Structures are given as structure tokens and as C-alpha cells.
Amino acid sequence: LYAAMGSEPTLDRFVLEAAHRGWNCFFPVMVKEAPTPQGS
């Protein structure tokens, strides 16, 4: 799924329904990983 950013449509009601159904809900995270060999 996703957490609404700015004016995006929100998934609040769906998250509650999915939890009620027992579904596993995942959300995105922007992760800083180890830099490339070039240091970027």
C-alpha cells in the first residue's frame, strides 16, 4: 500500500478493512543504502 502524501487519495478506510480481513499490509520506505563504489 502507501501512506498518502500531500493531496493523494488516502487509503485509511481500506487499511482498516484489510486488517479486519487478516491481510498483511506493507508500506513503502525510502531507505539510504550503502553508497555505490563511486561514492554516490
Full PDB file with SEQRES, HELIX, SHEET, SSBOND, CRYST1, ORIGX, SCALE, CONECT and MASTER records, all heavy atoms in Angstrom:
SEQRES   1 A   40  LEU TYR ALA ALA MET GLY SER GLU PRO THR LEU ASP ARG          
SEQRES   2 A   40  PHE VAL LEU GLU ALA ALA HIS ARG GLY TRP ASN CYS PHE          
SEQRES   3 A   40  PHE PRO VAL MET VAL LYS GLU ALA PRO THR PRO GLN GLY          
SEQRES   4 A   40  SER                                                          
HELIX    1 AA1 ASP A   12  ARG A   21  1                                  10    
CRYST1    1.000    1.000    1.000  90.00  90.00  90.00 P 1           1          
ORIGX1      1.000000  0.000000  0.000000        0.00000                         
ORIGX2      0.000000  1.000000  0.000000        0.00000                         
ORIGX3      0.000000  0.000000  1.000000        0.00000                         
SCALE1      1.000000  0.000000  0.000000        0.00000                         
SCALE2      0.000000  1.000000  0.000000        0.00000                         
SCALE3      0.000000  0.000000  1.000000        0.00000                         
ATOM      1  N   LEU A   1       0.842  -1.194   0.000  1.00  0.00           N  
ATOM      2  CA  LEU A   1       0.000   0.000   0.000  1.00  0.00           C  
ATOM      3  C   LEU A   1       0.881   1.249   0.000  1.00  0.00           C  
ATOM      4  O   LEU A   1       2.045   1.178  -0.345  1.00  0.00           O  
ATOM      5  CB  LEU A   1      -0.918  -0.024   1.227  1.00  0.00           C  
ATOM      6  CG  LEU A   1      -1.789  -1.281   1.367  1.00  0.00           C  
ATOM      7  CD1 LEU A   1      -2.563  -1.257   2.682  1.00  0.00           C  
ATOM      8  CD2 LEU A   1      -2.759  -1.383   0.188  1.00  0.00           C  
ATOM      9  N   TYR A   2       0.324   2.388   0.373  1.00  0.00           N  
ATOM     10  CA  TYR A   2       1.120   3.605   0.517  1.00  0.00           C  
ATOM     11  C   TYR A   2       0.452   4.514   1.537  1.00  0.00           C  
ATOM     12  O   TYR A   2      -0.759   4.418   1.784  1.00  0.00           O  
ATOM     13  CB  TYR A   2       1.277   4.331  -0.830  1.00  0.00           C  
ATOM     14  CG  TYR A   2      -0.004   4.955  -1.361  1.00  0.00           C  
ATOM     15  CD1 TYR A   2      -0.384   6.245  -1.003  1.00  0.00           C  
ATOM     16  CD2 TYR A   2      -0.842   4.250  -2.228  1.00  0.00           C  
ATOM     17  CE1 TYR A   2      -1.559   6.810  -1.477  1.00  0.00           C  
ATOM     18  CE2 TYR A   2      -2.017   4.797  -2.707  1.00  0.00           C  
ATOM     19  CZ  TYR A   2      -2.368   6.091  -2.333  1.00  0.00           C  
ATOM     20  OH  TYR A   2      -3.539   6.646  -2.801  1.00  0.00           O  
ATOM     21  N   ALA A   3       1.234   5.374   2.158  1.00  0.00           N  
ATOM     22  CA  ALA A   3       0.715   6.420   3.038  1.00  0.00           C  
ATOM     23  C   ALA A   3       0.585   7.680   2.197  1.00  0.00           C  
ATOM     24  O   ALA A   3       1.553   8.119   1.569  1.00  0.00           O  
ATOM     25  CB  ALA A   3       1.655   6.645   4.216  1.00  0.00           C  
ATOM     26  N   ALA A   4      -0.616   8.252   2.154  1.00  0.00           N  
ATOM     27  CA  ALA A   4      -0.874   9.390   1.271  1.00  0.00           C  
ATOM     28  C   ALA A   4       0.077  10.543   1.552  1.00  0.00           C  
ATOM     29  O   ALA A   4       0.345  10.895   2.703  1.00  0.00           O  
ATOM     30  CB  ALA A   4      -2.317   9.852   1.430  1.00  0.00           C  
ATOM     31  N   MET A   5       0.583  11.127   0.477  1.00  0.00           N  
ATOM     32  CA  MET A   5       1.490  12.268   0.549  1.00  0.00           C  
ATOM     33  C   MET A   5       0.792  13.471  -0.076  1.00  0.00           C  
ATOM     34  O   MET A   5       0.292  13.389  -1.199  1.00  0.00           O  
ATOM     35  CB  MET A   5       2.789  11.945  -0.195  1.00  0.00           C  
ATOM     36  CG  MET A   5       3.810  13.052  -0.190  1.00  0.00           C  
ATOM     37  SD  MET A   5       5.405  12.524  -0.893  1.00  0.00           S  
ATOM     38  CE  MET A   5       4.934  12.150  -2.596  1.00  0.00           C  
ATOM     39  N   GLY A   6       0.732  14.566   0.660  1.00  0.00           N  
ATOM     40  CA  GLY A   6       0.073  15.753   0.129  1.00  0.00           C  
ATOM     41  C   GLY A   6      -1.398  15.494  -0.123  1.00  0.00           C  
ATOM     42  O   GLY A   6      -2.131  15.028   0.746  1.00  0.00           O  
ATOM     43  N   SER A   7      -1.834  15.759  -1.348  1.00  0.00           N  
ATOM     44  CA  SER A   7      -3.253  15.652  -1.693  1.00  0.00           C  
ATOM     45  C   SER A   7      -3.626  14.311  -2.329  1.00  0.00           C  
ATOM     46  O   SER A   7      -4.700  14.182  -2.914  1.00  0.00           O  
ATOM     47  CB  SER A   7      -3.643  16.792  -2.643  1.00  0.00           C  
ATOM     48  OG  SER A   7      -2.807  16.793  -3.801  1.00  0.00           O  
ATOM     49  N   GLU A   8      -2.762  13.314  -2.228  1.00  0.00           N  
ATOM     50  CA  GLU A   8      -3.095  11.990  -2.753  1.00  0.00           C  
ATOM     51  C   GLU A   8      -4.336  11.426  -2.061  1.00  0.00           C  
ATOM     52  O   GLU A   8      -4.594  11.732  -0.886  1.00  0.00           O  
ATOM     53  CB  GLU A   8      -1.935  11.016  -2.533  1.00  0.00           C  
ATOM     54  CG  GLU A   8      -0.723  11.278  -3.392  1.00  0.00           C  
ATOM     55  CD  GLU A   8       0.422  10.321  -3.086  1.00  0.00           C  
ATOM     56  OE1 GLU A   8       0.432   9.720  -1.994  1.00  0.00           O  
ATOM     57  OE2 GLU A   8       1.308  10.192  -3.936  1.00  0.00           O  
ATOM     58  N   PRO A   9      -5.116  10.587  -2.740  1.00  0.00           N  
ATOM     59  CA  PRO A   9      -6.232   9.924  -2.059  1.00  0.00           C  
ATOM     60  C   PRO A   9      -5.714   9.025  -0.944  1.00  0.00           C  
ATOM     61  O   PRO A   9      -4.699   8.343  -1.103  1.00  0.00           O  
ATOM     62  CB  PRO A   9      -6.914   9.117  -3.167  1.00  0.00           C  
ATOM     63  CG  PRO A   9      -5.917   9.021  -4.272  1.00  0.00           C  
ATOM     64  CD  PRO A   9      -5.037  10.219  -4.167  1.00  0.00           C  
ATOM     65  N   THR A  10      -6.388   9.057   0.179  1.00  0.00           N  
ATOM     66  CA  THR A  10      -5.933   8.297   1.333  1.00  0.00           C  
ATOM     67  C   THR A  10      -6.512   6.885   1.347  1.00  0.00           C  
ATOM     68  O   THR A  10      -7.644   6.665   0.895  1.00  0.00           O  
ATOM     69  CB  THR A  10      -6.294   9.021   2.640  1.00  0.00           C  
ATOM     70  OG1 THR A  10      -5.913   8.208   3.739  1.00  0.00           O  
ATOM     71  CG2 THR A  10      -7.788   9.298   2.722  1.00  0.00           C  
ATOM     72  N   LEU A  11      -5.747   5.950   1.882  1.00  0.00           N  
ATOM     73  CA  LEU A  11      -6.161   4.551   1.976  1.00  0.00           C  
ATOM     74  C   LEU A  11      -6.657   4.188   3.371  1.00  0.00           C  
ATOM     75  O   LEU A  11      -6.767   3.004   3.696  1.00  0.00           O  
ATOM     76  CB  LEU A  11      -4.986   3.640   1.596  1.00  0.00           C  
ATOM     77  CG  LEU A  11      -4.598   3.621   0.114  1.00  0.00           C  
ATOM     78  CD1 LEU A  11      -3.260   2.911  -0.072  1.00  0.00           C  
ATOM     79  CD2 LEU A  11      -5.660   2.940  -0.721  1.00  0.00           C  
ATOM     80  N   ASP A  12      -6.977   5.173   4.189  1.00  0.00           N  
ATOM     81  CA  ASP A  12      -7.327   4.914   5.587  1.00  0.00           C  
ATOM     82  C   ASP A  12      -8.410   3.850   5.742  1.00  0.00           C  
ATOM     83  O   ASP A  12      -8.265   2.904   6.532  1.00  0.00           O  
ATOM     84  CB  ASP A  12      -7.788   6.204   6.269  1.00  0.00           C  
ATOM     85  CG  ASP A  12      -6.648   7.197   6.462  1.00  0.00           C  
ATOM     86  OD1 ASP A  12      -5.498   6.881   6.073  1.00  0.00           O  
ATOM     87  OD2 ASP A  12      -6.905   8.290   6.989  1.00  0.00           O  
ATOM     88  N   ARG A  13      -9.511   3.993   5.034  1.00  0.00           N  
ATOM     89  CA  ARG A  13     -10.609   3.045   5.203  1.00  0.00           C  
ATOM     90  C   ARG A  13     -10.214   1.654   4.718  1.00  0.00           C  
ATOM     91  O   ARG A  13     -10.580   0.647   5.324  1.00  0.00           O  
ATOM     92  CB  ARG A  13     -11.859   3.516   4.458  1.00  0.00           C  
ATOM     93  CG  ARG A  13     -13.032   2.547   4.566  1.00  0.00           C  
ATOM     94  CD  ARG A  13     -14.336   3.130   4.090  1.00  0.00           C  
ATOM     95  NE  ARG A  13     -14.801   4.191   4.973  1.00  0.00           N  
ATOM     96  CZ  ARG A  13     -16.024   4.734   4.902  1.00  0.00           C  
ATOM     97  NH1 ARG A  13     -16.891   4.302   3.988  1.00  0.00           N  
ATOM     98  NH2 ARG A  13     -16.372   5.694   5.723  1.00  0.00           N  
ATOM     99  N   PHE A  14      -9.458   1.595   3.630  1.00  0.00           N  
ATOM    100  CA  PHE A  14      -9.043   0.286   3.120  1.00  0.00           C  
ATOM    101  C   PHE A  14      -8.124  -0.424   4.106  1.00  0.00           C  
ATOM    102  O   PHE A  14      -8.222  -1.642   4.289  1.00  0.00           O  
ATOM    103  CB  PHE A  14      -8.328   0.416   1.776  1.00  0.00           C  
ATOM    104  CG  PHE A  14      -7.801  -0.893   1.275  1.00  0.00           C  
ATOM    105  CD1 PHE A  14      -8.635  -1.804   0.651  1.00  0.00           C  
ATOM    106  CD2 PHE A  14      -6.464  -1.245   1.477  1.00  0.00           C  
ATOM    107  CE1 PHE A  14      -8.155  -3.039   0.226  1.00  0.00           C  
ATOM    108  CE2 PHE A  14      -5.981  -2.473   1.052  1.00  0.00           C  
ATOM    109  CZ  PHE A  14      -6.837  -3.366   0.423  1.00  0.00           C  
ATOM    110  N   VAL A  15      -7.213   0.306   4.743  1.00  0.00           N  
ATOM    111  CA  VAL A  15      -6.292  -0.310   5.704  1.00  0.00           C  
ATOM    112  C   VAL A  15      -7.069  -0.984   6.830  1.00  0.00           C  
ATOM    113  O   VAL A  15      -6.749  -2.112   7.244  1.00  0.00           O  
ATOM    114  CB  VAL A  15      -5.307   0.739   6.261  1.00  0.00           C  
ATOM    115  CG1 VAL A  15      -4.467   0.142   7.394  1.00  0.00           C  
ATOM    116  CG2 VAL A  15      -4.390   1.257   5.158  1.00  0.00           C  
ATOM    117  N   LEU A  16      -8.103  -0.327   7.322  1.00  0.00           N  
ATOM    118  CA  LEU A  16      -8.921  -0.922   8.385  1.00  0.00           C  
ATOM    119  C   LEU A  16      -9.632  -2.174   7.899  1.00  0.00           C  
ATOM    120  O   LEU A  16      -9.699  -3.186   8.605  1.00  0.00           O  
ATOM    121  CB  LEU A  16      -9.936   0.104   8.892  1.00  0.00           C  
ATOM    122  CG  LEU A  16      -9.366   1.325   9.610  1.00  0.00           C  
ATOM    123  CD1 LEU A  16     -10.487   2.273  10.004  1.00  0.00           C  
ATOM    124  CD2 LEU A  16      -8.578   0.913  10.845  1.00  0.00           C  
ATOM    125  N   GLU A  17     -10.163  -2.125   6.674  1.00  0.00           N  
ATOM    126  CA  GLU A  17     -10.860  -3.282   6.113  1.00  0.00           C  
ATOM    127  C   GLU A  17      -9.891  -4.437   5.887  1.00  0.00           C  
ATOM    128  O   GLU A  17     -10.207  -5.598   6.168  1.00  0.00           O  
ATOM    129  CB  GLU A  17     -11.537  -2.892   4.800  1.00  0.00           C  
ATOM    130  CG  GLU A  17     -12.195  -4.029   4.040  1.00  0.00           C  
ATOM    131  CD  GLU A  17     -13.382  -4.639   4.778  1.00  0.00           C  
ATOM    132  OE1 GLU A  17     -13.947  -3.979   5.667  1.00  0.00           O  
ATOM    133  OE2 GLU A  17     -13.748  -5.788   4.449  1.00  0.00           O  
ATOM    134  N   ALA A  18      -8.703  -4.129   5.369  1.00  0.00           N  
ATOM    135  CA  ALA A  18      -7.707  -5.176   5.125  1.00  0.00           C  
ATOM    136  C   ALA A  18      -7.278  -5.830   6.428  1.00  0.00           C  
ATOM    137  O   ALA A  18      -7.113  -7.054   6.508  1.00  0.00           O  
ATOM    138  CB  ALA A  18      -6.498  -4.573   4.403  1.00  0.00           C  
ATOM    139  N   ALA A  19      -7.102  -5.018   7.473  1.00  0.00           N  
ATOM    140  CA  ALA A  19      -6.730  -5.566   8.777  1.00  0.00           C  
ATOM    141  C   ALA A  19      -7.838  -6.480   9.301  1.00  0.00           C  
ATOM    142  O   ALA A  19      -7.563  -7.537   9.886  1.00  0.00           O  
ATOM    143  CB  ALA A  19      -6.455  -4.433   9.759  1.00  0.00           C  
ATOM    144  N   HIS A  20      -9.089  -6.068   9.105  1.00  0.00           N  
ATOM    145  CA  HIS A  20     -10.226  -6.888   9.539  1.00  0.00           C  
ATOM    146  C   HIS A  20     -10.235  -8.229   8.817  1.00  0.00           C  
ATOM    147  O   HIS A  20     -10.588  -9.260   9.401  1.00  0.00           O  
ATOM    148  CB  HIS A  20     -11.526  -6.129   9.282  1.00  0.00           C  
ATOM    149  CG  HIS A  20     -12.761  -6.907   9.647  1.00  0.00           C  
ATOM    150  ND1 HIS A  20     -13.145  -7.125  10.958  1.00  0.00           N  
ATOM    151  CD2 HIS A  20     -13.697  -7.539   8.866  1.00  0.00           C  
ATOM    152  CE1 HIS A  20     -14.250  -7.844  10.976  1.00  0.00           C  
ATOM    153  NE2 HIS A  20     -14.605  -8.104   9.732  1.00  0.00           N  
ATOM    154  N   ARG A  21      -9.822  -8.233   7.562  1.00  0.00           N  
ATOM    155  CA  ARG A  21      -9.772  -9.469   6.783  1.00  0.00           C  
ATOM    156  C   ARG A  21      -8.558 -10.331   7.146  1.00  0.00           C  
ATOM    157  O   ARG A  21      -8.449 -11.473   6.703  1.00  0.00           O  
ATOM    158  CB  ARG A  21      -9.719  -9.151   5.285  1.00  0.00           C  
ATOM    159  CG  ARG A  21     -10.982  -8.539   4.704  1.00  0.00           C  
ATOM    160  CD  ARG A  21     -10.750  -8.161   3.244  1.00  0.00           C  
ATOM    161  NE  ARG A  21     -11.914  -7.553   2.634  1.00  0.00           N  
ATOM    162  CZ  ARG A  21     -12.870  -8.215   1.989  1.00  0.00           C  
ATOM    163  NH1 ARG A  21     -12.784  -9.531   1.868  1.00  0.00           N  
ATOM    164  NH2 ARG A  21     -13.886  -7.571   1.454  1.00  0.00           N  
ATOM    165  N   GLY A  22      -7.623  -9.762   7.894  1.00  0.00           N  
ATOM    166  CA  GLY A  22      -6.420 -10.501   8.248  1.00  0.00           C  
ATOM    167  C   GLY A  22      -5.323 -10.411   7.210  1.00  0.00           C  
ATOM    168  O   GLY A  22      -4.357 -11.188   7.255  1.00  0.00           O  
ATOM    169  N   TRP A  23      -5.427  -9.466   6.281  1.00  0.00           N  
ATOM    170  CA  TRP A  23      -4.401  -9.308   5.257  1.00  0.00           C  
ATOM    171  C   TRP A  23      -3.166  -8.622   5.852  1.00  0.00           C  
ATOM    172  O   TRP A  23      -3.265  -7.831   6.784  1.00  0.00           O  
ATOM    173  CB  TRP A  23      -4.923  -8.473   4.097  1.00  0.00           C  
ATOM    174  CG  TRP A  23      -6.040  -9.124   3.337  1.00  0.00           C  
ATOM    175  CD1 TRP A  23      -6.594 -10.354   3.563  1.00  0.00           C  
ATOM    176  CD2 TRP A  23      -6.751  -8.557   2.233  1.00  0.00           C  
ATOM    177  NE1 TRP A  23      -7.607 -10.601   2.668  1.00  0.00           N  
ATOM    178  CE2 TRP A  23      -7.727  -9.513   1.838  1.00  0.00           C  
ATOM    179  CE3 TRP A  23      -6.681  -7.359   1.539  1.00  0.00           C  
ATOM    180  CZ2 TRP A  23      -8.600  -9.287   0.781  1.00  0.00           C  
ATOM    181  CZ3 TRP A  23      -7.548  -7.131   0.482  1.00  0.00           C  
ATOM    182  CH2 TRP A  23      -8.495  -8.087   0.107  1.00  0.00           C  
ATOM    183  N   ASN A  24      -2.010  -8.931   5.290  1.00  0.00           N  
ATOM    184  CA  ASN A  24      -0.754  -8.302   5.700  1.00  0.00           C  
ATOM    185  C   ASN A  24      -0.551  -7.016   4.897  1.00  0.00           C  
ATOM    186  O   ASN A  24      -0.476  -7.063   3.665  1.00  0.00           O  
ATOM    187  CB  ASN A  24       0.426  -9.242   5.470  1.00  0.00           C  
ATOM    188  CG  ASN A  24       0.301 -10.526   6.271  1.00  0.00           C  
ATOM    189  OD1 ASN A  24      -0.039 -10.504   7.454  1.00  0.00           O  
ATOM    190  ND2 ASN A  24       0.572 -11.658   5.637  1.00  0.00           N  
ATOM    191  N   CYS A  25      -0.462  -5.879   5.583  1.00  0.00           N  
ATOM    192  CA  CYS A  25      -0.335  -4.580   4.928  1.00  0.00           C  
ATOM    193  C   CYS A  25       1.092  -4.055   5.042  1.00  0.00           C  
ATOM    194  O   CYS A  25       1.648  -3.995   6.144  1.00  0.00           O  
ATOM    195  CB  CYS A  25      -1.307  -3.581   5.553  1.00  0.00           C  
ATOM    196  SG  CYS A  25      -3.047  -4.001   5.313  1.00  0.00           S  
ATOM    197  N   PHE A  26       1.662  -3.684   3.911  1.00  0.00           N  
ATOM    198  CA  PHE A  26       3.032  -3.176   3.863  1.00  0.00           C  
ATOM    199  C   PHE A  26       3.028  -1.760   3.279  1.00  0.00           C  
ATOM    200  O   PHE A  26       2.211  -1.449   2.410  1.00  0.00           O  
ATOM    201  CB  PHE A  26       3.912  -4.076   2.994  1.00  0.00           C  
ATOM    202  CG  PHE A  26       4.205  -5.422   3.595  1.00  0.00           C  
ATOM    203  CD1 PHE A  26       3.245  -6.424   3.586  1.00  0.00           C  
ATOM    204  CD2 PHE A  26       5.448  -5.703   4.159  1.00  0.00           C  
ATOM    205  CE1 PHE A  26       3.509  -7.680   4.131  1.00  0.00           C  
ATOM    206  CE2 PHE A  26       5.718  -6.944   4.707  1.00  0.00           C  
ATOM    207  CZ  PHE A  26       4.754  -7.942   4.694  1.00  0.00           C  
ATOM    208  N   PHE A  27       3.978  -0.945   3.738  1.00  0.00           N  
ATOM    209  CA  PHE A  27       4.052   0.444   3.311  1.00  0.00           C  
ATOM    210  C   PHE A  27       5.481   0.783   2.888  1.00  0.00           C  
ATOM    211  O   PHE A  27       6.441   0.247   3.445  1.00  0.00           O  
ATOM    212  CB  PHE A  27       3.593   1.369   4.440  1.00  0.00           C  
ATOM    213  CG  PHE A  27       2.154   1.183   4.798  1.00  0.00           C  
ATOM    214  CD1 PHE A  27       1.776   0.192   5.693  1.00  0.00           C  
ATOM    215  CD2 PHE A  27       1.169   1.968   4.206  1.00  0.00           C  
ATOM    216  CE1 PHE A  27       0.435  -0.006   6.007  1.00  0.00           C  
ATOM    217  CE2 PHE A  27      -0.165   1.780   4.518  1.00  0.00           C  
ATOM    218  CZ  PHE A  27      -0.537   0.790   5.415  1.00  0.00           C  
ATOM    219  N   PRO A  28       5.637   1.676   1.909  1.00  0.00           N  
ATOM    220  CA  PRO A  28       6.974   1.974   1.385  1.00  0.00           C  
ATOM    221  C   PRO A  28       7.812   2.853   2.312  1.00  0.00           C  
ATOM    222  O   PRO A  28       7.291   3.721   3.013  1.00  0.00           O  
ATOM    223  CB  PRO A  28       6.678   2.708   0.069  1.00  0.00           C  
ATOM    224  CG  PRO A  28       5.333   3.325   0.277  1.00  0.00           C  
ATOM    225  CD  PRO A  28       4.583   2.388   1.172  1.00  0.00           C  
ATOM    226  N   VAL A  29       9.109   2.590   2.276  1.00  0.00           N  
ATOM    227  CA  VAL A  29      10.097   3.396   2.997  1.00  0.00           C  
ATOM    228  C   VAL A  29      11.249   3.663   2.035  1.00  0.00           C  
ATOM    229  O   VAL A  29      11.752   2.740   1.387  1.00  0.00           O  
ATOM    230  CB  VAL A  29      10.661   2.650   4.231  1.00  0.00           C  
ATOM    231  CG1 VAL A  29      11.525   3.601   5.050  1.00  0.00           C  
ATOM    232  CG2 VAL A  29       9.566   2.054   5.073  1.00  0.00           C  
ATOM    233  N   MET A  30      11.649   4.910   1.939  1.00  0.00           N  
ATOM    234  CA  MET A  30      12.817   5.246   1.126  1.00  0.00           C  
ATOM    235  C   MET A  30      14.059   5.063   2.000  1.00  0.00           C  
ATOM    236  O   MET A  30      14.252   5.797   2.981  1.00  0.00           O  
ATOM    237  CB  MET A  30      12.719   6.686   0.611  1.00  0.00           C  
ATOM    238  CG  MET A  30      11.433   6.978  -0.161  1.00  0.00           C  
ATOM    239  SD  MET A  30      11.119   5.800  -1.505  1.00  0.00           S  
ATOM    240  CE  MET A  30      12.539   6.119  -2.552  1.00  0.00           C  
ATOM    241  N   VAL A  31      14.868   4.064   1.670  1.00  0.00           N  
ATOM    242  CA  VAL A  31      15.987   3.668   2.529  1.00  0.00           C  
ATOM    243  C   VAL A  31      17.323   4.074   1.908  1.00  0.00           C  
ATOM    244  O   VAL A  31      17.585   3.807   0.734  1.00  0.00           O  
ATOM    245  CB  VAL A  31      15.968   2.142   2.768  1.00  0.00           C  
ATOM    246  CG1 VAL A  31      17.131   1.728   3.668  1.00  0.00           C  
ATOM    247  CG2 VAL A  31      14.640   1.708   3.384  1.00  0.00           C  
ATOM    248  N   LYS A  32      18.157   4.736   2.727  1.00  0.00           N  
ATOM    249  CA  LYS A  32      19.521   5.066   2.301  1.00  0.00           C  
ATOM    250  C   LYS A  32      20.384   3.834   2.470  1.00  0.00           C  
ATOM    251  O   LYS A  32      20.662   3.400   3.590  1.00  0.00           O  
ATOM    252  CB  LYS A  32      20.089   6.205   3.155  1.00  0.00           C  
ATOM    253  CG  LYS A  32      19.359   7.521   3.048  1.00  0.00           C  
ATOM    254  CD  LYS A  32      19.987   8.526   4.004  1.00  0.00           C  
ATOM    255  CE  LYS A  32      19.205   9.814   4.073  1.00  0.00           C  
ATOM    256  NZ  LYS A  32      19.758  10.744   5.089  1.00  0.00           N  
ATOM    257  N   GLU A  33      20.822   3.265   1.354  1.00  0.00           N  
ATOM    258  CA  GLU A  33      21.675   2.087   1.399  1.00  0.00           C  
ATOM    259  C   GLU A  33      23.136   2.507   1.300  1.00  0.00           C  
ATOM    260  O   GLU A  33      23.461   3.693   1.159  1.00  0.00           O  
ATOM    261  CB  GLU A  33      21.303   1.136   0.265  1.00  0.00           C  
ATOM    262  CG  GLU A  33      19.875   0.595   0.372  1.00  0.00           C  
ATOM    263  CD  GLU A  33      19.550  -0.413  -0.714  1.00  0.00           C  
ATOM    264  OE1 GLU A  33      20.239  -0.388  -1.761  1.00  0.00           O  
ATOM    265  OE2 GLU A  33      18.616  -1.209  -0.522  1.00  0.00           O  
ATOM    266  N   ALA A  34      24.025   1.521   1.366  1.00  0.00           N  
ATOM    267  CA  ALA A  34      25.462   1.803   1.245  1.00  0.00           C  
ATOM    268  C   ALA A  34      25.733   2.498  -0.089  1.00  0.00           C  
ATOM    269  O   ALA A  34      25.119   2.169  -1.103  1.00  0.00           O  
ATOM    270  CB  ALA A  34      26.253   0.505   1.335  1.00  0.00           C  
ATOM    271  N   PRO A  35      26.625   3.488  -0.105  1.00  0.00           N  
ATOM    272  CA  PRO A  35      26.906   4.205  -1.346  1.00  0.00           C  
ATOM    273  C   PRO A  35      27.484   3.292  -2.433  1.00  0.00           C  
ATOM    274  O   PRO A  35      28.026   2.230  -2.141  1.00  0.00           O  
ATOM    275  CB  PRO A  35      27.910   5.282  -0.939  1.00  0.00           C  
ATOM    276  CG  PRO A  35      28.225   5.069   0.481  1.00  0.00           C  
ATOM    277  CD  PRO A  35      27.412   3.941   1.010  1.00  0.00           C  
ATOM    278  N   THR A  36      27.340   3.723  -3.661  1.00  0.00           N  
ATOM    279  CA  THR A  36      27.915   2.991  -4.789  1.00  0.00           C  
ATOM    280  C   THR A  36      29.438   3.061  -4.707  1.00  0.00           C  
ATOM    281  O   THR A  36      29.991   3.879  -3.955  1.00  0.00           O  
ATOM    282  CB  THR A  36      27.456   3.616  -6.118  1.00  0.00           C  
ATOM    283  OG1 THR A  36      27.976   4.955  -6.196  1.00  0.00           O  
ATOM    284  CG2 THR A  36      25.937   3.652  -6.201  1.00  0.00           C  
ATOM    285  N   PRO A  37      30.143   2.213  -5.468  1.00  0.00           N  
ATOM    286  CA  PRO A  37      31.622   2.281  -5.473  1.00  0.00           C  
ATOM    287  C   PRO A  37      32.153   3.669  -5.827  1.00  0.00           C  
ATOM    288  O   PRO A  37      33.255   4.044  -5.435  1.00  0.00           O  
ATOM    289  CB  PRO A  37      32.014   1.254  -6.537  1.00  0.00           C  
ATOM    290  CG  PRO A  37      30.881   0.270  -6.523  1.00  0.00           C  
ATOM    291  CD  PRO A  37      29.652   1.073  -6.259  1.00  0.00           C  
ATOM    292  N   GLN A  38      31.364   4.428  -6.558  1.00  0.00           N  
ATOM    293  CA  GLN A  38      31.776   5.778  -6.930  1.00  0.00           C  
ATOM    294  C   GLN A  38      31.488   6.789  -5.816  1.00  0.00           C  
ATOM    295  O   GLN A  38      31.805   7.975  -5.935  1.00  0.00           O  
ATOM    296  CB  GLN A  38      31.060   6.230  -8.210  1.00  0.00           C  
ATOM    297  CG  GLN A  38      31.453   5.453  -9.460  1.00  0.00           C  
ATOM    298  CD  GLN A  38      30.858   4.049  -9.486  1.00  0.00           C  
ATOM    299  OE1 GLN A  38      29.759   3.827  -8.963  1.00  0.00           O  
ATOM    300  NE2 GLN A  38      31.568   3.116 -10.110  1.00  0.00           N  
ATOM    301  N   GLY A  39      30.860   6.320  -4.734  1.00  0.00           N  
ATOM    302  CA  GLY A  39      30.577   7.205  -3.607  1.00  0.00           C  
ATOM    303  C   GLY A  39      29.241   7.906  -3.670  1.00  0.00           C  
ATOM    304  O   GLY A  39      28.905   8.706  -2.796  1.00  0.00           O  
ATOM    305  N   SER A  40      28.448   7.619  -4.713  1.00  0.00           N  
ATOM    306  CA  SER A  40      27.148   8.280  -4.850  1.00  0.00           C  
ATOM    307  C   SER A  40      26.143   7.674  -3.866  1.00  0.00           C  
ATOM    308  O   SER A  40      26.159   6.461  -3.628  1.00  0.00           O  
ATOM    309  CB  SER A  40      26.608   8.113  -6.279  1.00  0.00           C  
ATOM    310  OG  SER A  40      27.519   8.648  -7.212  1.00  0.00           O  
TER     311      SER A  40                                                      
MASTER        0    0    0    1    0    0    0    6  310    1    0    4          
END                                                                             
